[in-house]
């Protein structure tokens, strides 16, 4: 590559770097100004559009750097197209991310519902209302309930488990009573046998 081609490539790269620094609005103004062929008209247009320019110094720097390349309008158009394509890519990515967030939100809601159903059945509503309210508050990130004054069991017991415990106690008591009756009958039977 000869020196002039290398210098031309460097100038193009420098001009492109300069116009990349412009915000979209200022790039559009530069494009509009460069479409005008007469240089005096270009300056006039720059002054007229000054209130629409976000960073006047950057735009003026880019306008001044136009002399680095033969057809600056081509590079400005390419930058606009590149930004437009990048914007479309970002919109597509945002759309995909929104769909992903919605999907994850749905999964999270279903998981919370399942956890709520499981933990709602974990505590006996009659004997452990505080523990149930505390777990619900933590699950749904709400204010914690006031701790009761009376003593409470922190270990979960279900309504069915509590009912089974009561039934077992009754069965054990009945079994003890039956054993006592059997023992009493055995004693009476022994007395009868010994008396005969």
Foldseek 3Di string as FASTA:
>chain_A
DDPVVVQLVVLLVVLLVLLVPADPQLLVLLLVLLVDDDPVVSVVSCVVCVVSGDDSVSSVVSNVSCVSHDRVNVSSVVVNVVVVVVVVVVVVVVVVVVVVVVVVVVVVVVVLVVVLVVVVQQAACVQPVQLNQQVVCVSVVHDRDDDDPDDHDNHTDGPVRVVVVVVVVVVVVVVVVVVVVVVVVVVVVVVVVVVD
